[in-house]
Amino acid sequence: MALILAHITLDCEHPSRLAAFWSAVLDRPVDDGAGDFFASINDHVAGTPSWFFIKVPEPKTVKNRLHVDLTAVDREAEANRLVELGASRVADHDAWGAVWTVMADPEGNEFCLGQQQ
């Protein structure tokens, strides 16, 4: 039996606000019913995981042990768009035959933005 990635879940302080950020990043709608304790993004496309945002009492304090990697045809333009949406640019890298930018969402969760080949 094969496993299927069903959800990407982020613990956060403000689920609705973080869901709105990721909704704009991914160009996917926030589901109805987003509130103070839970929000989700799920456009019901087969093979595409939902994104869940769950309120937790503690803030993020250290680097993520797991993160998502996104790619773009124009990495620089996309990084600038993400900063306008509320992301922070953490670092740029060019190593191992790849170019990518480490970004952080409005609550500090790191993710990478790579240059699509």
PDB file of N, CA and C in Angstrom:
ATOM      1  N   MET A   1       0.848  -1.176   0.000  1.00  0.00           N
ATOM      2  CA  MET A   1       0.000   0.000   0.000  1.00  0.00           C
ATOM      3  C   MET A   1       0.889   1.234   0.000  1.00  0.00           C
ATOM      4  N   ALA A   2       0.627   2.184  -0.869  1.00  0.00           N
ATOM      5  CA  ALA A   2       1.386   3.428  -0.940  1.00  0.00           C
ATOM      6  C   ALA A   2       0.728   4.495  -0.077  1.00  0.00           C
ATOM      7  N   LEU A   3       1.548   5.322   0.521  1.00  0.00           N
ATOM      8  CA  LEU A   3       1.035   6.443   1.294  1.00  0.00           C
ATOM      9  C   LEU A   3       0.868   7.652   0.390  1.00  0.00           C
ATOM     10  N   ILE A   4      -0.074   8.503   0.724  1.00  0.00           N
ATOM     11  CA  ILE A   4      -0.332   9.724  -0.020  1.00  0.00           C
ATOM     12  C   ILE A   4      -0.254  10.891   0.955  1.00  0.00           C
ATOM     13  N   LEU A   5       0.464  11.933   0.577  1.00  0.00           N
ATOM     14  CA  LEU A   5       0.522  13.137   1.400  1.00  0.00           C
ATOM     15  C   LEU A   5      -0.846  13.807   1.376  1.00  0.00           C
ATOM     16  N   ALA A   6      -1.499  13.868   2.518  1.00  0.00           N
ATOM     17  CA  ALA A   6      -2.860  14.400   2.594  1.00  0.00           C
ATOM     18  C   ALA A   6      -2.893  15.859   3.023  1.00  0.00           C
ATOM     19  N   HIS A   7      -2.062  16.245   4.012  1.00  0.00           N
ATOM     20  CA  HIS A   7      -2.114  17.586   4.575  1.00  0.00           C
ATOM     21  C   HIS A   7      -0.711  18.071   4.914  1.00  0.00           C
ATOM     22  N   ILE A   8      -0.515  19.353   4.798  1.00  0.00           N
ATOM     23  CA  ILE A   8       0.657  20.026   5.339  1.00  0.00           C
ATOM     24  C   ILE A   8       0.103  20.896   6.454  1.00  0.00           C
ATOM     25  N   THR A   9       0.554  20.662   7.682  1.00  0.00           N
ATOM     26  CA  THR A   9      -0.015  21.333   8.842  1.00  0.00           C
ATOM     27  C   THR A   9       1.006  22.255   9.480  1.00  0.00           C
ATOM     28  N   LEU A  10       0.612  23.491   9.728  1.00  0.00           N
ATOM     29  CA  LEU A  10       1.472  24.454  10.391  1.00  0.00           C
ATOM     30  C   LEU A  10       0.848  24.853  11.714  1.00  0.00           C
ATOM     31  N   ASP A  11       1.598  24.676  12.800  1.00  0.00           N
ATOM     32  CA  ASP A  11       1.200  25.225  14.087  1.00  0.00           C
ATOM     33  C   ASP A  11       1.464  26.724  14.008  1.00  0.00           C
ATOM     34  N   CYS A  12       0.565  27.520  14.569  1.00  0.00           N
ATOM     35  CA  CYS A  12       0.734  28.963  14.423  1.00  0.00           C
ATOM     36  C   CYS A  12      -0.042  29.712  15.499  1.00  0.00           C
ATOM     37  N   GLU A  13       0.208  31.019  15.546  1.00  0.00           N
ATOM     38  CA  GLU A  13      -0.486  31.874  16.497  1.00  0.00           C
ATOM     39  C   GLU A  13      -1.806  32.402  15.934  1.00  0.00           C
ATOM     40  N   HIS A  14      -1.842  32.700  14.615  1.00  0.00           N
ATOM     41  CA  HIS A  14      -3.020  33.284  13.980  1.00  0.00           C
ATOM     42  C   HIS A  14      -3.404  32.481  12.738  1.00  0.00           C
ATOM     43  N   PRO A  15      -4.185  31.406  12.896  1.00  0.00           N
ATOM     44  CA  PRO A  15      -4.522  30.537  11.764  1.00  0.00           C
ATOM     45  C   PRO A  15      -5.136  31.256  10.564  1.00  0.00           C
ATOM     46  N   SER A  16      -6.107  32.119  10.773  1.00  0.00           N
ATOM     47  CA  SER A  16      -6.761  32.795   9.642  1.00  0.00           C
ATOM     48  C   SER A  16      -5.776  33.683   8.893  1.00  0.00           C
ATOM     49  N   ARG A  17      -4.968  34.408   9.620  1.00  0.00           N
ATOM     50  CA  ARG A  17      -3.996  35.318   9.006  1.00  0.00           C
ATOM     51  C   ARG A  17      -2.937  34.540   8.228  1.00  0.00           C
ATOM     52  N   LEU A  18      -2.429  33.440   8.804  1.00  0.00           N
ATOM     53  CA  LEU A  18      -1.403  32.659   8.117  1.00  0.00           C
ATOM     54  C   LEU A  18      -2.001  31.919   6.920  1.00  0.00           C
ATOM     55  N   ALA A  19      -3.235  31.458   7.047  1.00  0.00           N
ATOM     56  CA  ALA A  19      -3.905  30.824   5.906  1.00  0.00           C
ATOM     57  C   ALA A  19      -4.080  31.819   4.766  1.00  0.00           C
ATOM     58  N   ALA A  20      -4.424  33.063   5.086  1.00  0.00           N
ATOM     59  CA  ALA A  20      -4.577  34.085   4.048  1.00  0.00           C
ATOM     60  C   ALA A  20      -3.250  34.335   3.332  1.00  0.00           C
ATOM     61  N   PHE A  21      -2.145  34.361   4.076  1.00  0.00           N
ATOM     62  CA  PHE A  21      -0.824  34.524   3.459  1.00  0.00           C
ATOM     63  C   PHE A  21      -0.539  33.377   2.493  1.00  0.00           C
ATOM     64  N   TRP A  22      -0.665  32.137   2.976  1.00  0.00           N
ATOM     65  CA  TRP A  22      -0.362  30.978   2.129  1.00  0.00           C
ATOM     66  C   TRP A  22      -1.351  30.844   0.977  1.00  0.00           C
ATOM     67  N   SER A  23      -2.579  31.282   1.169  1.00  0.00           N
ATOM     68  CA  SER A  23      -3.558  31.299   0.089  1.00  0.00           C
ATOM     69  C   SER A  23      -3.060  32.179  -1.050  1.00  0.00           C
ATOM     70  N   ALA A  24      -2.547  33.357  -0.704  1.00  0.00           N
ATOM     71  CA  ALA A  24      -2.017  34.267  -1.724  1.00  0.00           C
ATOM     72  C   ALA A  24      -0.744  33.706  -2.356  1.00  0.00           C
ATOM     73  N   VAL A  25       0.112  33.078  -1.549  1.00  0.00           N
ATOM     74  CA  VAL A  25       1.347  32.482  -2.071  1.00  0.00           C
ATOM     75  C   VAL A  25       1.020  31.413  -3.108  1.00  0.00           C
ATOM     76  N   LEU A  26       0.095  30.526  -2.756  1.00  0.00           N
ATOM     77  CA  LEU A  26      -0.207  29.354  -3.582  1.00  0.00           C
ATOM     78  C   LEU A  26      -1.321  29.593  -4.602  1.00  0.00           C
ATOM     79  N   ASP A  27      -1.975  30.736  -4.529  1.00  0.00           N
ATOM     80  CA  ASP A  27      -3.122  31.040  -5.381  1.00  0.00           C
ATOM     81  C   ASP A  27      -4.185  29.945  -5.253  1.00  0.00           C
ATOM     82  N   ARG A  28      -4.482  29.615  -3.990  1.00  0.00           N
ATOM     83  CA  ARG A  28      -5.506  28.631  -3.652  1.00  0.00           C
ATOM     84  C   ARG A  28      -6.399  29.253  -2.584  1.00  0.00           C
ATOM     85  N   PRO A  29      -7.705  29.025  -2.634  1.00  0.00           N
ATOM     86  CA  PRO A  29      -8.612  29.696  -1.693  1.00  0.00           C
ATOM     87  C   PRO A  29      -8.564  29.119  -0.275  1.00  0.00           C
ATOM     88  N   VAL A  30      -8.798  30.000   0.696  1.00  0.00           N
ATOM     89  CA  VAL A  30      -8.999  29.563   2.078  1.00  0.00           C
ATOM     90  C   VAL A  30     -10.404  29.000   2.161  1.00  0.00           C
ATOM     91  N   ASP A  31     -10.555  27.861   2.823  1.00  0.00           N
ATOM     92  CA  ASP A  31     -11.878  27.259   2.988  1.00  0.00           C
ATOM     93  C   ASP A  31     -12.764  28.127   3.867  1.00  0.00           C
ATOM     94  N   ASP A  32     -14.072  28.025   3.642  1.00  0.00           N
ATOM     95  CA  ASP A  32     -15.041  28.684   4.509  1.00  0.00           C
ATOM     96  C   ASP A  32     -14.877  28.152   5.926  1.00  0.00           C
ATOM     97  N   GLY A  33     -15.155  28.973   6.895  1.00  0.00           N
ATOM     98  CA  GLY A  33     -15.121  28.535   8.284  1.00  0.00           C
ATOM     99  C   GLY A  33     -13.793  28.785   8.987  1.00  0.00           C
ATOM    100  N   ALA A  34     -12.860  29.497   8.358  1.00  0.00           N
ATOM    101  CA  ALA A  34     -11.599  29.809   9.023  1.00  0.00           C
ATOM    102  C   ALA A  34     -11.896  30.635  10.271  1.00  0.00           C
ATOM    103  N   GLY A  35     -11.185  30.330  11.351  1.00  0.00           N
ATOM    104  CA  GLY A  35     -11.442  31.039  12.593  1.00  0.00           C
ATOM    105  C   GLY A  35     -10.198  31.229  13.422  1.00  0.00           C
ATOM    106  N   ASP A  36     -10.408  31.490  14.706  1.00  0.00           N
ATOM    107  CA  ASP A  36      -9.303  31.775  15.616  1.00  0.00           C
ATOM    108  C   ASP A  36      -8.445  30.557  15.926  1.00  0.00           C
ATOM    109  N   PHE A  37      -8.980  29.342  15.750  1.00  0.00           N
ATOM    110  CA  PHE A  37      -8.253  28.149  16.151  1.00  0.00           C
ATOM    111  C   PHE A  37      -7.870  27.238  14.999  1.00  0.00           C
ATOM    112  N   PHE A  38      -8.509  27.398  13.825  1.00  0.00           N
ATOM    113  CA  PHE A  38      -8.216  26.512  12.705  1.00  0.00           C
ATOM    114  C   PHE A  38      -8.612  27.183  11.388  1.00  0.00           C
ATOM    115  N   ALA A  39      -7.793  26.967  10.383  1.00  0.00           N
ATOM    116  CA  ALA A  39      -8.113  27.404   9.021  1.00  0.00           C
ATOM    117  C   ALA A  39      -7.495  26.387   8.077  1.00  0.00           C
ATOM    118  N   SER A  40      -8.008  26.330   6.849  1.00  0.00           N
ATOM    119  CA  SER A  40      -7.453  25.377   5.887  1.00  0.00           C
ATOM    120  C   SER A  40      -7.540  25.918   4.466  1.00  0.00           C
ATOM    121  N   ILE A  41      -6.672  25.376   3.644  1.00  0.00           N
ATOM    122  CA  ILE A  41      -6.667  25.633   2.208  1.00  0.00           C
ATOM    123  C   ILE A  41      -6.794  24.273   1.549  1.00  0.00           C
ATOM    124  N   ASN A  42      -7.857  24.105   0.775  1.00  0.00           N
ATOM    125  CA  ASN A  42      -8.079  22.815   0.128  1.00  0.00           C
ATOM    126  C   ASN A  42      -8.923  23.055  -1.111  1.00  0.00           C
ATOM    127  N   ASP A  43      -8.289  22.992  -2.286  1.00  0.00           N
ATOM    128  CA  ASP A  43      -9.075  23.214  -3.501  1.00  0.00           C
ATOM    129  C   ASP A  43      -9.555  21.903  -4.118  1.00  0.00           C
ATOM    130  N   HIS A  44      -9.429  20.811  -3.370  1.00  0.00           N
ATOM    131  CA  HIS A  44      -9.992  19.510  -3.725  1.00  0.00           C
ATOM    132  C   HIS A  44      -9.506  18.988  -5.079  1.00  0.00           C
ATOM    133  N   VAL A  45      -8.230  19.223  -5.377  1.00  0.00           N
ATOM    134  CA  VAL A  45      -7.602  18.677  -6.578  1.00  0.00           C
ATOM    135  C   VAL A  45      -6.909  17.380  -6.171  1.00  0.00           C
ATOM    136  N   ALA A  46      -7.246  16.293  -6.841  1.00  0.00           N
ATOM    137  CA  ALA A  46      -6.660  14.991  -6.510  1.00  0.00           C
ATOM    138  C   ALA A  46      -5.141  15.077  -6.543  1.00  0.00           C
ATOM    139  N   GLY A  47      -4.513  14.531  -5.515  1.00  0.00           N
ATOM    140  CA  GLY A  47      -3.061  14.504  -5.447  1.00  0.00           C
ATOM    141  C   GLY A  47      -2.446  15.779  -4.900  1.00  0.00           C
ATOM    142  N   THR A  48      -3.263  16.785  -4.588  1.00  0.00           N
ATOM    143  CA  THR A  48      -2.773  18.042  -4.039  1.00  0.00           C
ATOM    144  C   THR A  48      -3.121  18.087  -2.553  1.00  0.00           C
ATOM    145  N   PRO A  49      -2.115  18.185  -1.673  1.00  0.00           N
ATOM    146  CA  PRO A  49      -2.428  18.176  -0.243  1.00  0.00           C
ATOM    147  C   PRO A  49      -3.144  19.436   0.209  1.00  0.00           C
ATOM    148  N   SER A  50      -3.959  19.282   1.227  1.00  0.00           N
ATOM    149  CA  SER A  50      -4.567  20.426   1.901  1.00  0.00           C
ATOM    150  C   SER A  50      -3.512  21.051   2.802  1.00  0.00           C
ATOM    151  N   TRP A  51      -3.726  22.297   3.141  1.00  0.00           N
ATOM    152  CA  TRP A  51      -2.878  22.983   4.115  1.00  0.00           C
ATOM    153  C   TRP A  51      -3.743  23.294   5.324  1.00  0.00           C
ATOM    154  N   PHE A  52      -3.302  22.871   6.518  1.00  0.00           N
ATOM    155  CA  PHE A  52      -4.014  23.127   7.761  1.00  0.00           C
ATOM    156  C   PHE A  52      -3.196  24.095   8.613  1.00  0.00           C
ATOM    157  N   PHE A  53      -3.881  25.000   9.302  1.00  0.00           N
ATOM    158  CA  PHE A  53      -3.263  25.983  10.183  1.00  0.00           C
ATOM    159  C   PHE A  53      -3.955  25.859  11.530  1.00  0.00           C
ATOM    160  N   ILE A  54      -3.205  25.458  12.549  1.00  0.00           N
ATOM    161  CA  ILE A  54      -3.776  25.150  13.858  1.00  0.00           C
ATOM    162  C   ILE A  54      -3.145  26.045  14.916  1.00  0.00           C
ATOM    163  N   LYS A  55      -3.978  26.693  15.715  1.00  0.00           N
ATOM    164  CA  LYS A  55      -3.481  27.570  16.774  1.00  0.00           C
ATOM    165  C   LYS A  55      -2.821  26.746  17.871  1.00  0.00           C
ATOM    166  N   VAL A  56      -1.636  27.197  18.284  1.00  0.00           N
ATOM    167  CA  VAL A  56      -0.930  26.602  19.416  1.00  0.00           C
ATOM    168  C   VAL A  56      -0.518  27.735  20.358  1.00  0.00           C
ATOM    169  N   PRO A  57      -0.333  27.447  21.640  1.00  0.00           N
ATOM    170  CA  PRO A  57      -0.033  28.517  22.592  1.00  0.00           C
ATOM    171  C   PRO A  57       1.408  29.024  22.543  1.00  0.00           C
ATOM    172  N   GLU A  58       2.341  28.203  22.101  1.00  0.00           N
ATOM    173  CA  GLU A  58       3.741  28.612  22.145  1.00  0.00           C
ATOM    174  C   GLU A  58       4.200  29.191  20.797  1.00  0.00           C
ATOM    175  N   PRO A  59       5.108  30.169  20.833  1.00  0.00           N
ATOM    176  CA  PRO A  59       5.628  30.731  19.582  1.00  0.00           C
ATOM    177  C   PRO A  59       6.709  29.835  18.979  1.00  0.00           C
ATOM    178  N   LYS A  60       6.995  30.036  17.716  1.00  0.00           N
ATOM    179  CA  LYS A  60       8.099  29.332  17.067  1.00  0.00           C
ATOM    180  C   LYS A  60       9.392  29.879  17.657  1.00  0.00           C
ATOM    181  N   THR A  61      10.322  28.982  18.013  1.00  0.00           N
ATOM    182  CA  THR A  61      11.552  29.447  18.665  1.00  0.00           C
ATOM    183  C   THR A  61      12.826  28.992  17.957  1.00  0.00           C
ATOM    184  N   VAL A  62      12.774  27.973  17.143  1.00  0.00           N
ATOM    185  CA  VAL A  62      13.990  27.475  16.481  1.00  0.00           C
ATOM    186  C   VAL A  62      13.706  27.190  15.017  1.00  0.00           C
ATOM    187  N   LYS A  63      14.767  26.888  14.277  1.00  0.00           N
ATOM    188  CA  LYS A  63      14.647  26.564  12.850  1.00  0.00           C
ATOM    189  C   LYS A  63      13.746  25.348  12.645  1.00  0.00           C
ATOM    190  N   ASN A  64      12.967  25.392  11.567  1.00  0.00           N
ATOM    191  CA  ASN A  64      12.113  24.256  11.212  1.00  0.00           C
ATOM    192  C   ASN A  64      12.962  23.004  10.991  1.00  0.00           C
ATOM    193  N   ARG A  65      12.465  21.866  11.380  1.00  0.00           N
ATOM    194  CA  ARG A  65      13.109  20.592  11.051  1.00  0.00           C
ATOM    195  C   ARG A  65      12.578  20.045   9.735  1.00  0.00           C
ATOM    196  N   LEU A  66      11.468  20.551   9.280  1.00  0.00           N
ATOM    197  CA  LEU A  66      10.851  20.161   8.017  1.00  0.00           C
ATOM    198  C   LEU A  66      10.338  21.440   7.376  1.00  0.00           C
ATOM    199  N   HIS A  67      10.522  21.555   6.066  1.00  0.00           N
ATOM    200  CA  HIS A  67      10.023  22.743   5.386  1.00  0.00           C
ATOM    201  C   HIS A  67       9.572  22.372   3.983  1.00  0.00           C
ATOM    202  N   VAL A  68       8.816  23.254   3.362  1.00  0.00           N
ATOM    203  CA  VAL A  68       8.384  23.036   1.986  1.00  0.00           C
ATOM    204  C   VAL A  68       9.331  23.763   1.044  1.00  0.00           C
ATOM    205  N   ASP A  69       9.496  23.197  -0.138  1.00  0.00           N
ATOM    206  CA  ASP A  69      10.284  23.802  -1.204  1.00  0.00           C
ATOM    207  C   ASP A  69       9.349  24.140  -2.351  1.00  0.00           C
ATOM    208  N   LEU A  70       9.369  25.383  -2.769  1.00  0.00           N
ATOM    209  CA  LEU A  70       8.594  25.851  -3.902  1.00  0.00           C
ATOM    210  C   LEU A  70       9.566  26.215  -5.018  1.00  0.00           C
ATOM    211  N   THR A  71       9.115  26.163  -6.265  1.00  0.00           N
ATOM    212  CA  THR A  71       9.959  26.581  -7.373  1.00  0.00           C
ATOM    213  C   THR A  71       9.221  27.603  -8.213  1.00  0.00           C
ATOM    214  N   ALA A  72       9.984  28.435  -8.895  1.00  0.00           N
ATOM    215  CA  ALA A  72       9.411  29.471  -9.748  1.00  0.00           C
ATOM    216  C   ALA A  72      10.265  29.628 -10.996  1.00  0.00           C
ATOM    217  N   VAL A  73       9.625  30.009 -12.083  1.00  0.00           N
ATOM    218  CA  VAL A  73      10.346  30.289 -13.321  1.00  0.00           C
ATOM    219  C   VAL A  73      11.245  31.505 -13.118  1.00  0.00           C
ATOM    220  N   ASP A  74      10.745  32.530 -12.422  1.00  0.00           N
ATOM    221  CA  ASP A  74      11.525  33.730 -12.117  1.00  0.00           C
ATOM    222  C   ASP A  74      11.603  33.845 -10.596  1.00  0.00           C
ATOM    223  N   ARG A  75      12.609  33.211 -10.020  1.00  0.00           N
ATOM    224  CA  ARG A  75      12.753  33.143  -8.561  1.00  0.00           C
ATOM    225  C   ARG A  75      12.822  34.530  -7.935  1.00  0.00           C
ATOM    226  N   GLU A  76      13.568  35.429  -8.533  1.00  0.00           N
ATOM    227  CA  GLU A  76      13.743  36.765  -7.964  1.00  0.00           C
ATOM    228  C   GLU A  76      12.427  37.536  -7.926  1.00  0.00           C
ATOM    229  N   ALA A  77      11.680  37.502  -9.018  1.00  0.00           N
ATOM    230  CA  ALA A  77      10.385  38.193  -9.056  1.00  0.00           C
ATOM    231  C   ALA A  77       9.421  37.574  -8.046  1.00  0.00           C
ATOM    232  N   GLU A  78       9.435  36.263  -7.931  1.00  0.00           N
ATOM    233  CA  GLU A  78       8.538  35.594  -6.991  1.00  0.00           C
ATOM    234  C   GLU A  78       8.934  35.914  -5.546  1.00  0.00           C
ATOM    235  N   ALA A  79      10.236  35.951  -5.258  1.00  0.00           N
ATOM    236  CA  ALA A  79      10.692  36.313  -3.909  1.00  0.00           C
ATOM    237  C   ALA A  79      10.214  37.715  -3.556  1.00  0.00           C
ATOM    238  N   ASN A  80      10.303  38.643  -4.496  1.00  0.00           N
ATOM    239  CA  ASN A  80       9.825  40.009  -4.256  1.00  0.00           C
ATOM    240  C   ASN A  80       8.321  40.030  -4.003  1.00  0.00           C
ATOM    241  N   ARG A  81       7.550  39.230  -4.760  1.00  0.00           N
ATOM    242  CA  ARG A  81       6.097  39.144  -4.555  1.00  0.00           C
ATOM    243  C   ARG A  81       5.785  38.612  -3.159  1.00  0.00           C
ATOM    244  N   LEU A  82       6.527  37.589  -2.731  1.00  0.00           N
ATOM    245  CA  LEU A  82       6.290  36.997  -1.415  1.00  0.00           C
ATOM    246  C   LEU A  82       6.611  37.982  -0.294  1.00  0.00           C
ATOM    247  N   VAL A  83       7.650  38.780  -0.469  1.00  0.00           N
ATOM    248  CA  VAL A  83       7.964  39.814   0.525  1.00  0.00           C
ATOM    249  C   VAL A  83       6.821  40.822   0.601  1.00  0.00           C
ATOM    250  N   GLU A  84       6.263  41.205  -0.539  1.00  0.00           N
ATOM    251  CA  GLU A  84       5.119  42.127  -0.538  1.00  0.00           C
ATOM    252  C   GLU A  84       3.916  41.529   0.186  1.00  0.00           C
ATOM    253  N   LEU A  85       3.788  40.189   0.158  1.00  0.00           N
ATOM    254  CA  LEU A  85       2.679  39.516   0.847  1.00  0.00           C
ATOM    255  C   LEU A  85       2.917  39.386   2.347  1.00  0.00           C
ATOM    256  N   GLY A  86       4.167  39.617   2.799  1.00  0.00           N
ATOM    257  CA  GLY A  86       4.456  39.528   4.223  1.00  0.00           C
ATOM    258  C   GLY A  86       5.566  38.572   4.594  1.00  0.00           C
ATOM    259  N   ALA A  87       6.166  37.898   3.609  1.00  0.00           N
ATOM    260  CA  ALA A  87       7.280  36.998   3.888  1.00  0.00           C
ATOM    261  C   ALA A  87       8.553  37.804   4.142  1.00  0.00           C
ATOM    262  N   SER A  88       9.541  37.147   4.712  1.00  0.00           N
ATOM    263  CA  SER A  88      10.873  37.731   4.896  1.00  0.00           C
ATOM    264  C   SER A  88      11.864  36.921   4.086  1.00  0.00           C
ATOM    265  N   ARG A  89      12.824  37.605   3.510  1.00  0.00           N
ATOM    266  CA  ARG A  89      13.908  36.950   2.781  1.00  0.00           C
ATOM    267  C   ARG A  89      15.012  36.671   3.786  1.00  0.00           C
ATOM    268  N   VAL A  90      15.367  35.399   3.963  1.00  0.00           N
ATOM    269  CA  VAL A  90      16.337  35.013   4.981  1.00  0.00           C
ATOM    270  C   VAL A  90      17.744  34.902   4.399  1.00  0.00           C
ATOM    271  N   ALA A  91      17.897  34.178   3.278  1.00  0.00           N
ATOM    272  CA  ALA A  91      19.233  33.971   2.698  1.00  0.00           C
ATOM    273  C   ALA A  91      19.111  33.467   1.273  1.00  0.00           C
ATOM    274  N   ASP A  92      20.111  33.788   0.467  1.00  0.00           N
ATOM    275  CA  ASP A  92      20.207  33.268  -0.898  1.00  0.00           C
ATOM    276  C   ASP A  92      21.345  32.263  -0.951  1.00  0.00           C
ATOM    277  N   HIS A  93      21.135  31.188  -1.735  1.00  0.00           N
ATOM    278  CA  HIS A  93      22.141  30.128  -1.841  1.00  0.00           C
ATOM    279  C   HIS A  93      22.354  29.739  -3.293  1.00  0.00           C
ATOM    280  N   ASP A  94      23.569  29.348  -3.599  1.00  0.00           N
ATOM    281  CA  ASP A  94      23.951  28.813  -4.907  1.00  0.00           C
ATOM    282  C   ASP A  94      24.958  27.709  -4.626  1.00  0.00           C
ATOM    283  N   ALA A  95      24.466  26.479  -4.556  1.00  0.00           N
ATOM    284  CA  ALA A  95      25.328  25.352  -4.206  1.00  0.00           C
ATOM    285  C   ALA A  95      24.773  24.064  -4.788  1.00  0.00           C
ATOM    286  N   TRP A  96      25.607  23.093  -4.958  1.00  0.00           N
ATOM    287  CA  TRP A  96      25.221  21.765  -5.422  1.00  0.00           C
ATOM    288  C   TRP A  96      24.455  21.815  -6.742  1.00  0.00           C
ATOM    289  N   GLY A  97      24.765  22.806  -7.565  1.00  0.00           N
ATOM    290  CA  GLY A  97      24.099  22.924  -8.861  1.00  0.00           C
ATOM    291  C   GLY A  97      22.689  23.482  -8.786  1.00  0.00           C
ATOM    292  N   ALA A  98      22.332  24.099  -7.660  1.00  0.00           N
ATOM    293  CA  ALA A  98      20.992  24.660  -7.490  1.00  0.00           C
ATOM    294  C   ALA A  98      21.093  26.083  -6.937  1.00  0.00           C
ATOM    295  N   VAL A  99      20.093  26.883  -7.251  1.00  0.00           N
ATOM    296  CA  VAL A  99      19.985  28.247  -6.728  1.00  0.00           C
ATOM    297  C   VAL A  99      18.645  28.335  -6.001  1.00  0.00           C
ATOM    298  N   TRP A 100      18.662  28.838  -4.752  1.00  0.00           N
ATOM    299  CA  TRP A 100      17.416  28.965  -4.014  1.00  0.00           C
ATOM    300  C   TRP A 100      17.517  30.084  -2.990  1.00  0.00           C
ATOM    301  N   THR A 101      16.343  30.510  -2.533  1.00  0.00           N
ATOM    302  CA  THR A 101      16.231  31.544  -1.509  1.00  0.00           C
ATOM    303  C   THR A 101      15.461  30.961  -0.333  1.00  0.00           C
ATOM    304  N   VAL A 102      16.018  31.122   0.855  1.00  0.00           N
ATOM    305  CA  VAL A 102      15.293  30.739   2.066  1.00  0.00           C
ATOM    306  C   VAL A 102      14.427  31.932   2.449  1.00  0.00           C
ATOM    307  N   MET A 103      13.141  31.663   2.624  1.00  0.00           N
ATOM    308  CA  MET A 103      12.157  32.674   2.994  1.00  0.00           C
ATOM    309  C   MET A 103      11.550  32.270   4.343  1.00  0.00           C
ATOM    310  N   ALA A 104      10.847  33.195   4.981  1.00  0.00           N
ATOM    311  CA  ALA A 104      10.079  32.894   6.191  1.00  0.00           C
ATOM    312  C   ALA A 104       8.697  33.524   6.039  1.00  0.00           C
ATOM    313  N   ASP A 105       7.673  32.779   6.430  1.00  0.00           N
ATOM    314  CA  ASP A 105       6.313  33.320   6.366  1.00  0.00           C
ATOM    315  C   ASP A 105       6.124  34.327   7.501  1.00  0.00           C
ATOM    316  N   PRO A 106       4.974  34.980   7.610  1.00  0.00           N
ATOM    317  CA  PRO A 106       4.791  36.017   8.635  1.00  0.00           C
ATOM    318  C   PRO A 106       4.976  35.546  10.081  1.00  0.00           C
ATOM    319  N   GLU A 107       4.901  34.236  10.335  1.00  0.00           N
ATOM    320  CA  GLU A 107       5.128  33.740  11.693  1.00  0.00           C
ATOM    321  C   GLU A 107       6.504  33.100  11.847  1.00  0.00           C
ATOM    322  N   GLY A 108       7.364  33.261  10.826  1.00  0.00           N
ATOM    323  CA  GLY A 108       8.742  32.797  10.941  1.00  0.00           C
ATOM    324  C   GLY A 108       9.005  31.384  10.460  1.00  0.00           C
ATOM    325  N   ASN A 109       8.016  30.707   9.894  1.00  0.00           N
ATOM    326  CA  ASN A 109       8.226  29.356   9.365  1.00  0.00           C
ATOM    327  C   ASN A 109       9.022  29.436   8.059  1.00  0.00           C
ATOM    328  N   GLU A 110      10.186  28.785   8.038  1.00  0.00           N
ATOM    329  CA  GLU A 110      11.026  28.846   6.860  1.00  0.00           C
ATOM    330  C   GLU A 110      10.505  27.973   5.735  1.00  0.00           C
ATOM    331  N   PHE A 111      10.731  28.424   4.503  1.00  0.00           N
ATOM    332  CA  PHE A 111      10.459  27.621   3.313  1.00  0.00           C
ATOM    333  C   PHE A 111      11.464  28.071   2.261  1.00  0.00           C
ATOM    334  N   CYS A 112      11.668  27.243   1.255  1.00  0.00           N
ATOM    335  CA  CYS A 112      12.641  27.574   0.227  1.00  0.00           C
ATOM    336  C   CYS A 112      11.957  27.848  -1.102  1.00  0.00           C
ATOM    337  N   LEU A 113      12.539  28.763  -1.849  1.00  0.00           N
ATOM    338  CA  LEU A 113      12.060  29.127  -3.163  1.00  0.00           C
ATOM    339  C   LEU A 113      13.201  28.881  -4.137  1.00  0.00           C
ATOM    340  N   GLY A 114      13.025  27.875  -4.984  1.00  0.00           N
ATOM    341  CA  GLY A 114      14.062  27.512  -5.930  1.00  0.00           C
ATOM    342  C   GLY A 114      13.815  28.073  -7.310  1.00  0.00           C
ATOM    343  N   GLN A 115      14.861  28.082  -8.103  1.00  0.00           N
ATOM    344  CA  GLN A 115      14.783  28.492  -9.502  1.00  0.00           C
ATOM    345  C   GLN A 115      14.422  27.280 -10.326  1.00  0.00           C
ATOM    346  N   GLN A 116      13.279  27.337 -10.992  1.00  0.00           N
ATOM    347  CA  GLN A 116      12.849  26.227 -11.849  1.00  0.00           C
ATOM    348  C   GLN A 116      13.788  26.113 -13.041  1.00  0.00           C
ATOM    349  N   GLN A 117      14.178  24.910 -13.328  1.00  0.00           N
ATOM    350  CA  GLN A 117      15.102  24.666 -14.451  1.00  0.00           C
ATOM    351  C   GLN A 117      14.376  24.527 -15.748  1.00  0.00           C
TER     352      GLN A 117
END
